[in-house]
Structures are given as structure tokens and as C-alpha cells.
Amino acid sequence: MSRWTRWEDWVAVAVGLVVALSGIFLEREGASLVWMLVLGVLLVASGLVNLAMPGLVATEYVQLGLGVLLFIAPWIGGYAYELGPTAWISWIGGAVAAIVAALAIRPAMQMHDRTVPH
């Protein structure tokens, strides 16, 4: 698998951008700005690292963890109870990020096995 071609990582970058920008432009509820901005930027960064170096399995797990954390962020940050758009973007974005990261783990492991001599 070559660099900058994995659709899973492009999806993670797009989700990160949407989450970060939504946290800035939508009405703020609870600590939504901080959670969405930080997790969105971290998703973009991890997606770009995965695109540049597709054999790094650890960053796929980091991306999975960020997706899960984004999914539970509305409850932690206190913005789940209004059921506003920020909560829905966190839930949907977190689920999508976690799913695409889980789908990318096996190909990253196979790429890692091919590039690292044993």
C-alpha cells in the first residue's frame, strides 16, 4: 500500500476537520469547544501521519482511541444533555473515526510485516 492513498485515513482527516470546525462555528454547549477542537485537530494529525507512513500500526490504534474518546466526549464535556448539533457531530464523527480506524488496523499490520525484517 502506497502513501497518501488509504481512504480510511482520508476519512479520518475529513472527520477531524468537520469536528474541529464545528466546535468553532456551532453554538457552544458545555465544554464542546475544547473537546471538539482538540480531538478534531488530533484526528487530523493522526490521519496525516497514517497517510504519510502507512505501516505504523500504533497510530491506527491512536486514531481508534481518539474516535472512541470523541464518541464519549459529549458526556464527559457536559454537552450531551442538550442533544444539540455539537453532541450529534461528536457521536457520529467519533463512530465514523473509530470504525475506519478499526478497518485500517489489519492493512497497517500487513504493511508493517512486509516492511520490517524479522
Protein backbone atom coordinates (compact mmCIF):
# COMPACT_ATOMS: atom_id res chain seq x y z
CA MET A 1 0.00 0.00 0.00
CA SER A 2 1.50 3.32 -1.04
CA ARG A 3 1.49 6.57 0.82
CA TRP A 4 -1.34 9.11 0.64
CA THR A 5 -3.79 6.62 -0.88
CA ARG A 6 -5.61 4.97 2.04
CA TRP A 7 -9.24 6.03 2.04
CA GLU A 8 -9.66 5.20 5.74
CA ASP A 9 -7.10 7.82 6.71
CA TRP A 10 -8.59 10.43 4.38
CA VAL A 11 -11.95 9.84 6.06
CA ALA A 12 -10.33 10.35 9.47
CA VAL A 13 -8.76 13.62 8.30
CA ALA A 14 -12.12 14.81 6.94
CA VAL A 15 -13.93 13.85 10.16
CA GLY A 16 -11.28 15.68 12.19
CA LEU A 17 -11.71 18.82 10.09
CA VAL A 18 -15.50 18.72 10.38
CA VAL A 19 -15.36 18.16 14.14
CA ALA A 20 -12.79 20.91 14.76
CA LEU A 21 -14.58 23.46 12.59
CA SER A 22 -17.98 22.54 14.02
CA GLY A 23 -16.66 23.10 17.51
CA ILE A 24 -15.65 26.61 16.47
CA PHE A 25 -18.67 27.66 14.43
CA LEU A 26 -21.62 25.96 16.12
CA GLU A 27 -23.25 27.12 19.32
CA ARG A 28 -21.14 26.14 22.28
CA GLU A 29 -22.64 23.82 24.86
CA GLY A 30 -20.72 22.82 27.97
CA ALA A 31 -17.07 22.20 27.12
CA SER A 32 -17.82 21.34 23.49
CA LEU A 33 -15.39 23.88 22.04
CA VAL A 34 -12.38 22.44 23.83
CA TRP A 35 -13.26 18.79 23.30
CA MET A 36 -14.19 19.12 19.65
CA LEU A 37 -11.30 21.40 18.74
CA VAL A 38 -8.63 19.30 20.45
CA LEU A 39 -9.94 15.92 19.31
CA GLY A 40 -10.59 17.21 15.78
CA VAL A 41 -7.05 18.53 15.43
CA LEU A 42 -5.61 15.30 16.87
CA LEU A 43 -7.67 13.24 14.40
CA VAL A 44 -6.36 15.33 11.50
CA ALA A 45 -2.79 14.93 12.75
CA SER A 46 -3.08 11.17 13.24
CA GLY A 47 -4.72 10.78 9.84
CA LEU A 48 -1.91 12.70 8.16
CA VAL A 49 0.72 10.62 9.97
CA ASN A 50 -1.06 7.44 8.87
CA LEU A 51 -1.22 8.71 5.29
CA ALA A 52 2.47 9.59 5.26
CA MET A 53 3.61 6.37 6.95
CA PRO A 54 1.00 3.65 6.29
CA GLY A 55 2.89 0.91 8.13
CA LEU A 56 2.64 2.45 11.60
CA VAL A 57 0.20 0.24 13.46
CA ALA A 58 0.40 2.23 16.69
CA THR A 59 -1.05 5.35 15.10
CA GLU A 60 -4.03 3.35 13.87
CA TYR A 61 -4.72 2.40 17.49
CA VAL A 62 -4.27 6.05 18.49
CA GLN A 63 -6.82 7.01 15.86
CA LEU A 64 -9.20 4.35 17.16
CA GLY A 65 -8.79 5.70 20.69
CA LEU A 66 -9.43 9.25 19.51
CA GLY A 67 -12.62 8.11 17.78
CA VAL A 68 -13.86 6.41 20.94
CA LEU A 69 -12.92 9.45 23.03
CA LEU A 70 -14.75 11.73 20.60
CA PHE A 71 -17.82 9.49 20.87
CA ILE A 72 -17.92 9.73 24.67
CA ALA A 73 -16.83 13.41 24.79
CA PRO A 74 -20.39 14.79 24.95
CA TRP A 75 -20.94 13.02 28.26
CA ILE A 76 -17.53 13.94 29.64
CA GLY A 77 -17.73 17.55 28.43
CA GLY A 78 -21.30 18.08 29.55
CA TYR A 79 -22.83 18.80 26.17
CA ALA A 80 -24.76 15.57 25.62
CA TYR A 81 -27.78 16.64 27.61
CA GLU A 82 -28.94 19.39 25.26
CA LEU A 83 -28.95 16.95 22.30
CA GLY A 84 -27.76 19.78 20.10
CA PRO A 85 -25.79 19.55 16.88
CA THR A 86 -22.43 19.57 18.67
CA ALA A 87 -23.30 16.38 20.51
CA TRP A 88 -24.53 14.70 17.33
CA ILE A 89 -21.42 15.69 15.41
CA SER A 90 -19.28 14.25 18.20
CA TRP A 91 -21.22 10.99 18.28
CA ILE A 92 -21.34 10.50 14.52
CA GLY A 93 -17.77 11.70 13.96
CA GLY A 94 -16.45 9.54 16.78
CA ALA A 95 -18.23 6.46 15.48
CA VAL A 96 -17.02 7.03 11.91
CA ALA A 97 -13.44 7.68 13.07
CA ALA A 98 -13.41 4.56 15.25
CA ILE A 99 -14.89 2.37 12.51
CA VAL A 100 -12.45 3.49 9.79
CA ALA A 101 -9.52 3.14 12.19
CA ALA A 102 -10.62 -0.39 13.05
CA LEU A 103 -10.86 -1.18 9.34
CA ALA A 104 -7.35 0.18 8.77
CA ILE A 105 -5.59 -1.79 11.50
CA ARG A 106 -5.23 -5.07 9.59
CA PRO A 107 -3.86 -3.48 6.38
CA ALA A 108 -1.42 -1.46 8.50
CA MET A 109 -0.24 -4.66 10.20
CA GLN A 110 0.26 -6.35 6.84
CA MET A 111 2.18 -3.33 5.54
CA HIS A 112 4.30 -3.29 8.71
CA ASP A 113 5.08 -7.02 8.34
CA ARG A 114 6.23 -6.52 4.76
CA THR A 115 8.49 -3.56 5.51
CA VAL A 116 10.12 -4.64 8.78
CA PRO A 117 12.61 -7.52 8.50
CA HIS A 118 12.20 -10.24 11.14
